[in-house]
């Protein structure tokens, strides 16, 4: 199955079904002023969930923090049916994955980094590509995938105009 999805800006409200946004711009009713008024702290911006005790192995896991360096993915010009360049670009997503027992978070650390967040509900055995959504995240937005949320690997893009995702199947259970 091939599905085309137009990406939208990453917002707290639109992304809530899939996890949370990690950003210093996130303010909740639990946000407090600290350090003698020089800083603002929002506790538990996103949950860190570890359900490995419910995995078939029942082996408890621990929270780890990894650092990845991702290069921009190649995007192609999107041509109209008559072969004309539309000014839009296409990123082909060939695989989706999920982590059924834990959250997974990504926080950009590069200057002016833009990346795509591609998600699809929490279907058990396979993603439902009819529910596929794409978001454009800015350099000040990290994301947390909730347990079980199908998602594409990290997709850094050089600059973001209009990006279209062309999902061509494939998934990792």
N, C-alpha and C. Protein backbone atom coordinates (compact mmCIF):
# COMPACT_ATOMS: atom_id res chain seq x y z
N UNK A 1 0.85 -1.19 0.00
CA UNK A 1 0.00 0.00 0.00
C UNK A 1 0.89 1.24 0.00
N UNK A 2 0.55 2.20 -0.81
CA UNK A 2 1.25 3.47 -0.84
C UNK A 2 0.29 4.55 -0.37
N UNK A 3 0.76 5.40 0.48
CA UNK A 3 -0.08 6.46 1.04
C UNK A 3 0.68 7.76 1.00
N UNK A 4 0.07 8.83 0.55
CA UNK A 4 0.68 10.15 0.54
C UNK A 4 0.07 10.99 1.65
N UNK A 5 0.94 11.61 2.45
CA UNK A 5 0.49 12.41 3.60
C UNK A 5 1.18 13.77 3.53
N UNK A 6 0.42 14.82 3.69
CA UNK A 6 0.98 16.17 3.76
C UNK A 6 1.34 16.47 5.20
N UNK A 7 2.55 16.96 5.42
CA UNK A 7 3.01 17.25 6.78
C UNK A 7 2.41 18.55 7.29
N UNK A 8 2.23 18.60 8.60
CA UNK A 8 1.67 19.76 9.26
C UNK A 8 2.62 20.19 10.38
N UNK A 9 2.51 21.42 10.84
CA UNK A 9 3.38 21.85 11.95
C UNK A 9 3.13 21.00 13.20
N UNK A 10 4.17 20.74 13.95
CA UNK A 10 4.07 19.96 15.18
C UNK A 10 3.52 20.85 16.29
N UNK A 11 2.32 20.52 16.78
CA UNK A 11 1.73 21.26 17.90
C UNK A 11 1.36 20.28 19.00
N UNK A 12 1.32 20.78 20.21
CA UNK A 12 0.98 19.97 21.38
C UNK A 12 -0.37 19.29 21.20
N UNK A 13 -1.36 20.03 20.76
CA UNK A 13 -2.72 19.48 20.65
C UNK A 13 -2.80 18.39 19.58
N UNK A 14 -2.22 18.63 18.41
CA UNK A 14 -2.30 17.65 17.33
C UNK A 14 -1.48 16.40 17.60
N UNK A 15 -0.38 16.55 18.34
CA UNK A 15 0.52 15.43 18.58
C UNK A 15 0.14 14.62 19.83
N UNK A 16 -0.73 15.14 20.67
CA UNK A 16 -1.08 14.50 21.95
C UNK A 16 -1.45 13.02 21.85
N UNK A 17 -2.17 12.56 20.83
CA UNK A 17 -2.51 11.13 20.79
C UNK A 17 -1.29 10.21 20.62
N UNK A 18 -0.16 10.76 20.22
CA UNK A 18 1.02 9.96 19.92
C UNK A 18 2.12 10.07 20.96
N UNK A 19 2.01 11.02 21.87
CA UNK A 19 3.04 11.23 22.88
C UNK A 19 3.04 12.69 23.30
N UNK A 20 4.22 13.26 23.45
CA UNK A 20 4.31 14.65 23.90
C UNK A 20 5.46 15.37 23.24
N UNK A 21 5.45 16.68 23.38
CA UNK A 21 6.50 17.54 22.84
C UNK A 21 7.41 17.97 23.98
N UNK A 22 8.70 17.89 23.74
CA UNK A 22 9.70 18.31 24.71
C UNK A 22 10.22 19.67 24.26
N UNK A 23 9.91 20.71 25.01
CA UNK A 23 10.30 22.05 24.60
C UNK A 23 10.27 22.97 25.80
N UNK A 24 11.16 23.96 25.79
CA UNK A 24 11.13 24.96 26.86
C UNK A 24 9.91 25.86 26.71
N UNK A 25 9.21 25.77 25.59
CA UNK A 25 7.99 26.55 25.38
C UNK A 25 6.76 25.89 26.02
N UNK A 26 6.90 24.64 26.46
CA UNK A 26 5.77 23.93 27.07
C UNK A 26 5.57 24.47 28.49
N UNK A 27 4.39 24.98 28.75
CA UNK A 27 4.03 25.50 30.07
C UNK A 27 2.72 24.83 30.47
N UNK A 28 2.68 24.32 31.70
CA UNK A 28 1.47 23.68 32.20
C UNK A 28 1.07 24.33 33.52
N UNK A 29 0.02 23.83 34.11
CA UNK A 29 -0.39 24.36 35.41
C UNK A 29 0.59 23.96 36.52
N UNK A 30 1.56 23.12 36.21
CA UNK A 30 2.58 22.71 37.19
C UNK A 30 3.89 23.48 37.00
N UNK A 31 3.96 24.37 36.02
CA UNK A 31 5.16 25.15 35.77
C UNK A 31 5.40 26.11 36.94
N UNK A 32 6.65 26.19 37.36
CA UNK A 32 7.00 27.06 38.48
C UNK A 32 8.25 27.88 38.14
N UNK A 33 8.37 29.02 38.82
CA UNK A 33 9.57 29.84 38.69
C UNK A 33 10.55 29.37 39.75
N UNK A 34 11.82 29.16 39.34
CA UNK A 34 12.85 28.64 40.25
C UNK A 34 14.11 29.49 40.13
N UNK A 35 15.13 29.13 40.88
CA UNK A 35 16.44 29.80 40.85
C UNK A 35 16.31 31.31 41.10
N UNK A 36 15.58 31.65 42.14
CA UNK A 36 15.39 33.06 42.51
C UNK A 36 14.82 33.90 41.37
N UNK A 37 13.92 33.28 40.60
CA UNK A 37 13.24 34.02 39.54
C UNK A 37 13.96 34.06 38.21
N UNK A 38 15.07 33.33 38.08
CA UNK A 38 15.83 33.38 36.83
C UNK A 38 15.53 32.23 35.88
N UNK A 39 14.67 31.30 36.28
CA UNK A 39 14.37 30.15 35.43
C UNK A 39 12.94 29.69 35.63
N UNK A 40 12.44 29.01 34.63
CA UNK A 40 11.10 28.42 34.68
C UNK A 40 11.26 26.91 34.52
N UNK A 41 10.60 26.12 35.35
CA UNK A 41 10.70 24.67 35.28
C UNK A 41 9.30 24.09 35.13
N UNK A 42 9.16 23.22 34.12
CA UNK A 42 7.92 22.47 33.93
C UNK A 42 8.24 21.01 34.16
N UNK A 43 7.75 20.44 35.27
CA UNK A 43 8.07 19.04 35.56
C UNK A 43 7.32 18.08 34.63
N UNK A 44 7.94 16.97 34.38
CA UNK A 44 7.33 15.89 33.60
C UNK A 44 6.66 16.40 32.32
N UNK A 45 7.47 17.06 31.50
CA UNK A 45 6.95 17.56 30.22
C UNK A 45 6.37 16.41 29.41
N UNK A 46 7.06 15.28 29.41
CA UNK A 46 6.55 14.05 28.79
C UNK A 46 6.80 12.91 29.76
N UNK A 47 6.00 11.87 29.70
CA UNK A 47 6.23 10.74 30.59
C UNK A 47 7.39 9.89 30.09
N UNK A 48 8.08 9.26 30.99
CA UNK A 48 9.01 8.20 30.63
C UNK A 48 8.40 6.92 31.18
N UNK A 49 7.91 6.11 30.27
CA UNK A 49 7.18 4.91 30.65
C UNK A 49 8.03 3.69 30.31
N UNK A 50 8.11 2.79 31.26
CA UNK A 50 8.87 1.56 31.09
C UNK A 50 7.98 0.41 31.54
N UNK A 51 7.42 -0.31 30.58
CA UNK A 51 6.52 -1.43 30.88
C UNK A 51 7.16 -2.78 30.56
N UNK A 52 8.48 -2.86 30.63
CA UNK A 52 9.15 -4.12 30.29
C UNK A 52 8.78 -5.26 31.23
N UNK A 53 8.26 -4.95 32.39
CA UNK A 53 7.81 -6.02 33.28
C UNK A 53 6.59 -6.74 32.70
N UNK A 54 5.94 -6.12 31.69
CA UNK A 54 4.79 -6.74 31.03
C UNK A 54 5.20 -7.40 29.70
N UNK A 55 6.46 -7.32 29.34
CA UNK A 55 6.98 -7.95 28.12
C UNK A 55 7.03 -9.47 28.31
N UNK A 56 7.09 -10.23 27.23
CA UNK A 56 7.18 -11.69 27.38
C UNK A 56 8.34 -12.13 28.28
N UNK A 57 9.45 -11.43 28.26
CA UNK A 57 10.60 -11.81 29.09
C UNK A 57 10.40 -11.45 30.55
N UNK A 58 9.55 -10.47 30.81
CA UNK A 58 9.30 -9.93 32.16
C UNK A 58 10.57 -9.43 32.84
N UNK A 59 11.57 -9.10 32.06
CA UNK A 59 12.83 -8.60 32.60
C UNK A 59 12.72 -7.08 32.72
N UNK A 60 12.85 -6.54 33.92
CA UNK A 60 12.79 -5.08 34.08
C UNK A 60 13.90 -4.41 33.27
N UNK A 61 13.62 -3.23 32.81
CA UNK A 61 14.61 -2.46 32.06
C UNK A 61 14.90 -1.17 32.80
N UNK A 62 15.89 -0.45 32.33
CA UNK A 62 16.23 0.83 32.93
C UNK A 62 16.18 1.91 31.86
N UNK A 63 16.02 3.12 32.28
CA UNK A 63 16.02 4.24 31.35
C UNK A 63 17.45 4.52 30.93
N UNK A 64 17.65 4.71 29.63
CA UNK A 64 18.97 5.04 29.10
C UNK A 64 18.85 6.29 28.24
N UNK A 65 19.95 6.98 28.08
CA UNK A 65 20.00 8.17 27.25
C UNK A 65 21.08 7.96 26.21
N UNK A 66 20.69 7.94 24.93
CA UNK A 66 21.64 7.78 23.83
C UNK A 66 21.73 9.08 23.06
N UNK A 67 22.82 9.28 22.38
CA UNK A 67 22.97 10.44 21.50
C UNK A 67 23.19 9.92 20.09
N UNK A 68 22.42 10.44 19.14
CA UNK A 68 22.55 10.06 17.73
C UNK A 68 22.88 11.31 16.93
N UNK A 69 23.64 11.13 15.90
CA UNK A 69 23.90 12.23 14.97
C UNK A 69 23.28 11.83 13.65
N UNK A 70 22.27 12.55 13.21
CA UNK A 70 21.53 12.20 12.00
C UNK A 70 21.81 13.20 10.90
N UNK A 71 22.12 12.69 9.74
CA UNK A 71 22.31 13.54 8.56
C UNK A 71 20.97 13.75 7.88
N UNK A 72 20.83 14.86 7.16
CA UNK A 72 19.57 15.08 6.45
C UNK A 72 19.26 13.96 5.47
N UNK A 73 17.99 13.58 5.41
CA UNK A 73 17.51 12.58 4.46
C UNK A 73 17.29 13.24 3.11
N UNK A 74 17.40 12.45 2.08
CA UNK A 74 17.21 12.97 0.73
C UNK A 74 15.72 13.11 0.44
N UNK A 75 15.34 14.28 0.00
CA UNK A 75 13.96 14.51 -0.44
C UNK A 75 13.99 14.79 -1.93
N UNK A 76 12.96 14.37 -2.61
CA UNK A 76 12.87 14.51 -4.06
C UNK A 76 11.85 15.59 -4.42
N UNK A 77 12.04 16.25 -5.55
CA UNK A 77 10.98 17.16 -6.02
C UNK A 77 9.72 16.35 -6.33
N UNK A 78 8.59 16.93 -6.01
CA UNK A 78 7.32 16.27 -6.32
C UNK A 78 6.80 16.84 -7.62
N UNK A 79 6.66 15.96 -8.59
CA UNK A 79 6.19 16.40 -9.89
C UNK A 79 4.71 16.12 -10.05
N UNK A 80 4.05 16.99 -10.79
CA UNK A 80 2.64 16.80 -11.08
C UNK A 80 2.50 15.63 -12.06
N UNK A 81 1.27 15.24 -12.32
CA UNK A 81 1.03 14.11 -13.23
C UNK A 81 1.56 14.38 -14.63
N UNK A 82 1.65 15.65 -15.03
CA UNK A 82 2.19 15.97 -16.35
C UNK A 82 3.70 16.22 -16.32
N UNK A 83 4.35 15.89 -15.17
CA UNK A 83 5.81 15.96 -15.08
C UNK A 83 6.38 17.30 -14.68
N UNK A 84 5.53 18.28 -14.34
CA UNK A 84 5.99 19.59 -13.93
C UNK A 84 6.39 19.59 -12.46
N UNK A 85 7.42 20.35 -12.13
CA UNK A 85 7.84 20.49 -10.73
C UNK A 85 6.82 21.35 -10.00
N UNK A 86 6.29 20.85 -8.87
CA UNK A 86 5.23 21.55 -8.14
C UNK A 86 5.77 22.50 -7.07
N UNK A 87 7.07 22.45 -6.80
CA UNK A 87 7.64 23.25 -5.72
C UNK A 87 7.56 22.53 -4.38
N UNK A 88 6.88 21.40 -4.34
CA UNK A 88 6.78 20.59 -3.13
C UNK A 88 7.86 19.52 -3.19
N UNK A 89 8.11 18.90 -2.03
CA UNK A 89 9.12 17.85 -1.99
C UNK A 89 8.54 16.60 -1.35
N UNK A 90 9.14 15.47 -1.65
CA UNK A 90 8.66 14.17 -1.19
C UNK A 90 9.76 13.45 -0.42
N UNK A 91 9.41 12.90 0.72
CA UNK A 91 10.29 12.00 1.46
C UNK A 91 9.61 10.65 1.45
N UNK A 92 10.30 9.64 0.95
CA UNK A 92 9.74 8.30 0.92
C UNK A 92 10.07 7.59 2.22
N UNK A 93 9.04 7.17 2.92
CA UNK A 93 9.20 6.43 4.17
C UNK A 93 8.95 4.96 3.85
N UNK A 94 9.95 4.15 4.11
CA UNK A 94 9.84 2.74 3.73
C UNK A 94 9.64 1.80 4.90
N UNK A 95 9.78 2.30 6.12
CA UNK A 95 9.65 1.43 7.27
C UNK A 95 9.05 2.21 8.45
N UNK A 96 8.23 1.53 9.23
CA UNK A 96 7.71 2.06 10.48
C UNK A 96 8.07 1.06 11.58
N UNK A 97 8.29 1.58 12.78
CA UNK A 97 8.64 0.73 13.91
C UNK A 97 7.85 1.19 15.13
N UNK A 98 7.89 0.38 16.17
CA UNK A 98 7.24 0.77 17.42
C UNK A 98 7.98 0.12 18.58
N UNK A 99 7.77 0.67 19.75
CA UNK A 99 8.36 0.14 20.98
C UNK A 99 7.19 -0.12 21.92
N UNK A 100 6.69 -1.34 21.96
CA UNK A 100 5.44 -1.61 22.69
C UNK A 100 5.51 -1.44 24.19
N UNK A 101 6.72 -1.44 24.77
CA UNK A 101 6.81 -1.42 26.22
C UNK A 101 7.42 -0.15 26.81
N UNK A 102 7.76 0.80 25.97
CA UNK A 102 8.38 2.01 26.53
C UNK A 102 8.19 3.22 25.63
N UNK A 103 8.39 4.37 26.22
CA UNK A 103 8.43 5.61 25.45
C UNK A 103 9.80 5.70 24.77
N UNK A 104 9.87 6.55 23.75
CA UNK A 104 11.15 6.85 23.10
C UNK A 104 11.12 8.33 22.76
N UNK A 105 12.21 9.03 23.10
CA UNK A 105 12.25 10.48 22.90
C UNK A 105 13.43 10.88 22.04
N UNK A 106 13.24 11.97 21.29
CA UNK A 106 14.30 12.58 20.50
C UNK A 106 14.30 14.08 20.77
N UNK A 107 15.48 14.63 21.00
CA UNK A 107 15.63 16.06 21.25
C UNK A 107 16.71 16.59 20.33
N UNK A 108 16.38 17.50 19.41
CA UNK A 108 17.40 18.02 18.50
C UNK A 108 18.41 18.89 19.25
N UNK A 109 19.65 18.81 18.84
CA UNK A 109 20.68 19.61 19.48
C UNK A 109 21.46 20.43 18.46
N UNK A 110 21.07 20.38 17.20
CA UNK A 110 21.76 21.13 16.17
C UNK A 110 21.12 22.48 15.95
N UNK A 111 21.88 23.38 15.39
CA UNK A 111 21.36 24.71 15.09
C UNK A 111 20.44 24.65 13.88
N UNK A 112 19.27 25.25 13.98
CA UNK A 112 18.31 25.35 12.90
C UNK A 112 17.96 23.99 12.29
N UNK A 113 17.86 22.98 13.12
CA UNK A 113 17.51 21.64 12.67
C UNK A 113 16.01 21.55 12.45
N UNK A 114 15.61 20.95 11.35
CA UNK A 114 14.22 20.63 11.10
C UNK A 114 14.15 19.13 10.88
N UNK A 115 13.12 18.50 11.39
CA UNK A 115 12.97 17.08 11.14
C UNK A 115 11.50 16.72 11.06
N UNK A 116 11.24 15.57 10.47
CA UNK A 116 9.88 15.11 10.30
C UNK A 116 9.57 14.05 11.33
N UNK A 117 8.37 14.12 11.86
CA UNK A 117 7.87 13.15 12.82
C UNK A 117 6.70 12.46 12.13
N UNK A 118 6.88 11.18 11.85
CA UNK A 118 5.86 10.41 11.14
C UNK A 118 5.31 9.37 12.11
N UNK A 119 4.01 9.43 12.37
CA UNK A 119 3.40 8.55 13.37
C UNK A 119 2.12 7.93 12.83
N UNK A 120 1.73 6.86 13.49
CA UNK A 120 0.54 6.13 13.10
C UNK A 120 0.06 5.36 14.30
N UNK A 121 -1.07 5.66 14.85
CA UNK A 121 -1.71 4.97 15.96
C UNK A 121 -0.97 3.84 16.64
N UNK A 122 -1.63 3.13 17.51
CA UNK A 122 -1.01 2.07 18.29
C UNK A 122 -1.57 0.70 17.93
N UNK A 123 -1.78 0.44 16.64
CA UNK A 123 -2.26 -0.87 16.20
C UNK A 123 -1.34 -1.98 16.67
N UNK A 124 -1.91 -3.12 17.01
CA UNK A 124 -1.14 -4.21 17.61
C UNK A 124 -0.11 -4.81 16.65
N UNK A 125 -0.55 -5.42 15.58
CA UNK A 125 0.36 -6.21 14.73
C UNK A 125 0.95 -5.45 13.56
N UNK A 126 0.25 -4.45 13.09
CA UNK A 126 0.72 -3.69 11.93
C UNK A 126 0.13 -2.29 11.99
N UNK A 127 0.85 -1.32 11.45
CA UNK A 127 0.30 0.04 11.44
C UNK A 127 -0.85 0.16 10.46
N UNK A 128 -1.80 1.00 10.77
CA UNK A 128 -2.89 1.30 9.86
C UNK A 128 -2.49 2.55 9.09
N UNK A 129 -2.05 2.39 7.86
CA UNK A 129 -1.54 3.52 7.09
C UNK A 129 -2.61 4.56 6.79
N UNK A 130 -3.87 4.21 6.96
CA UNK A 130 -4.93 5.21 6.80
C UNK A 130 -4.89 6.24 7.92
N UNK A 131 -4.22 5.92 9.03
CA UNK A 131 -4.10 6.83 10.16
C UNK A 131 -2.75 7.55 10.19
N UNK A 132 -1.95 7.38 9.18
CA UNK A 132 -0.61 7.97 9.13
C UNK A 132 -0.67 9.49 9.15
N UNK A 133 0.19 10.11 9.98
CA UNK A 133 0.29 11.57 10.04
C UNK A 133 1.75 11.98 10.02
N UNK A 134 2.01 13.12 9.43
CA UNK A 134 3.36 13.65 9.39
C UNK A 134 3.38 15.05 9.98
N UNK A 135 4.40 15.33 10.80
CA UNK A 135 4.56 16.63 11.44
C UNK A 135 5.95 17.17 11.15
N UNK A 136 6.04 18.48 11.02
CA UNK A 136 7.33 19.14 10.87
C UNK A 136 7.70 19.72 12.23
N UNK A 137 8.83 19.26 12.78
CA UNK A 137 9.30 19.73 14.08
C UNK A 137 10.45 20.70 13.88
N UNK A 138 10.48 21.73 14.70
CA UNK A 138 11.54 22.73 14.63
C UNK A 138 12.69 22.42 15.56
N UNK A 139 13.68 23.27 15.52
CA UNK A 139 14.91 23.05 16.29
C UNK A 139 14.72 23.15 17.80
N UNK A 140 13.60 23.65 18.25
CA UNK A 140 13.35 23.77 19.69
C UNK A 140 12.28 22.80 20.17
N UNK A 141 11.99 21.78 19.36
CA UNK A 141 10.96 20.81 19.71
C UNK A 141 11.53 19.40 19.67
N UNK A 142 11.50 18.74 20.81
CA UNK A 142 11.78 17.32 20.85
C UNK A 142 10.46 16.58 20.89
N UNK A 143 10.49 15.30 20.63
CA UNK A 143 9.26 14.52 20.69
C UNK A 143 9.47 13.29 21.55
N UNK A 144 8.38 12.84 22.12
CA UNK A 144 8.35 11.59 22.87
C UNK A 144 7.25 10.73 22.24
N UNK A 145 7.62 9.55 21.76
CA UNK A 145 6.63 8.61 21.25
C UNK A 145 6.09 7.82 22.42
N UNK A 146 4.78 7.73 22.54
CA UNK A 146 4.16 6.93 23.59
C UNK A 146 4.40 5.45 23.29
N UNK A 147 4.30 4.58 24.30
CA UNK A 147 4.47 3.15 24.04
C UNK A 147 3.49 2.66 22.98
N UNK A 148 4.01 1.87 22.04
CA UNK A 148 3.17 1.26 21.02
C UNK A 148 2.88 2.11 19.81
N UNK A 149 3.29 3.37 19.78
CA UNK A 149 3.01 4.23 18.64
C UNK A 149 3.95 3.87 17.48
N UNK A 150 3.38 3.57 16.34
CA UNK A 150 4.16 3.30 15.15
C UNK A 150 4.78 4.60 14.68
N UNK A 151 6.07 4.56 14.29
CA UNK A 151 6.73 5.78 13.84
C UNK A 151 7.84 5.45 12.85
N UNK A 152 8.16 6.42 12.04
CA UNK A 152 9.27 6.27 11.10
C UNK A 152 10.57 6.59 11.83
N UNK A 153 11.69 6.09 11.33
CA UNK A 153 12.98 6.49 11.90
C UNK A 153 13.15 8.01 11.80
N UNK A 154 14.04 8.54 12.62
CA UNK A 154 14.30 9.98 12.63
C UNK A 154 14.61 10.45 11.22
N UNK A 155 13.95 11.52 10.79
CA UNK A 155 14.11 12.03 9.43
C UNK A 155 14.46 13.51 9.46
N UNK A 156 15.74 13.81 9.55
CA UNK A 156 16.20 15.19 9.53
C UNK A 156 16.12 15.68 8.08
N UNK A 157 15.63 16.91 7.90
CA UNK A 157 15.62 17.53 6.57
C UNK A 157 16.35 18.86 6.65
N UNK A 158 16.95 19.24 5.54
CA UNK A 158 17.80 20.43 5.54
C UNK A 158 17.02 21.71 5.78
N UNK A 159 15.97 21.90 5.08
CA UNK A 159 15.09 23.04 5.29
C UNK A 159 13.69 22.56 4.95
N UNK A 160 12.72 23.21 5.45
CA UNK A 160 11.36 22.70 5.31
C UNK A 160 10.50 23.71 4.58
N UNK A 161 10.05 23.31 3.43
CA UNK A 161 9.01 24.04 2.74
C UNK A 161 7.79 23.17 2.94
N UNK A 162 7.26 22.68 1.86
CA UNK A 162 6.17 21.72 1.95
C UNK A 162 6.79 20.35 1.74
N UNK A 163 6.62 19.48 2.70
CA UNK A 163 7.14 18.12 2.60
C UNK A 163 5.96 17.17 2.55
N UNK A 164 6.01 16.22 1.65
CA UNK A 164 4.99 15.20 1.54
C UNK A 164 5.64 13.86 1.82
N UNK A 165 4.97 13.04 2.57
CA UNK A 165 5.48 11.70 2.85
C UNK A 165 4.83 10.73 1.91
N UNK A 166 5.61 9.86 1.35
CA UNK A 166 5.08 8.79 0.53
C UNK A 166 5.44 7.51 1.26
N UNK A 167 4.49 6.93 1.95
CA UNK A 167 4.75 5.73 2.74
C UNK A 167 4.46 4.53 1.87
N UNK A 168 5.47 3.69 1.69
CA UNK A 168 5.35 2.58 0.78
C UNK A 168 5.38 1.23 1.48
N UNK A 169 4.81 1.18 2.66
CA UNK A 169 4.70 -0.09 3.36
C UNK A 169 5.95 -0.48 4.11
N UNK A 170 5.90 -1.63 4.72
CA UNK A 170 7.01 -2.11 5.52
C UNK A 170 6.88 -1.65 6.94
N UNK A 171 7.12 -2.54 7.88
CA UNK A 171 7.08 -2.17 9.27
C UNK A 171 7.88 -3.17 10.08
N UNK A 172 8.28 -2.77 11.23
CA UNK A 172 9.01 -3.63 12.15
C UNK A 172 8.14 -3.81 13.39
N UNK A 173 7.65 -5.02 13.66
CA UNK A 173 6.79 -5.18 14.84
C UNK A 173 7.53 -4.98 16.14
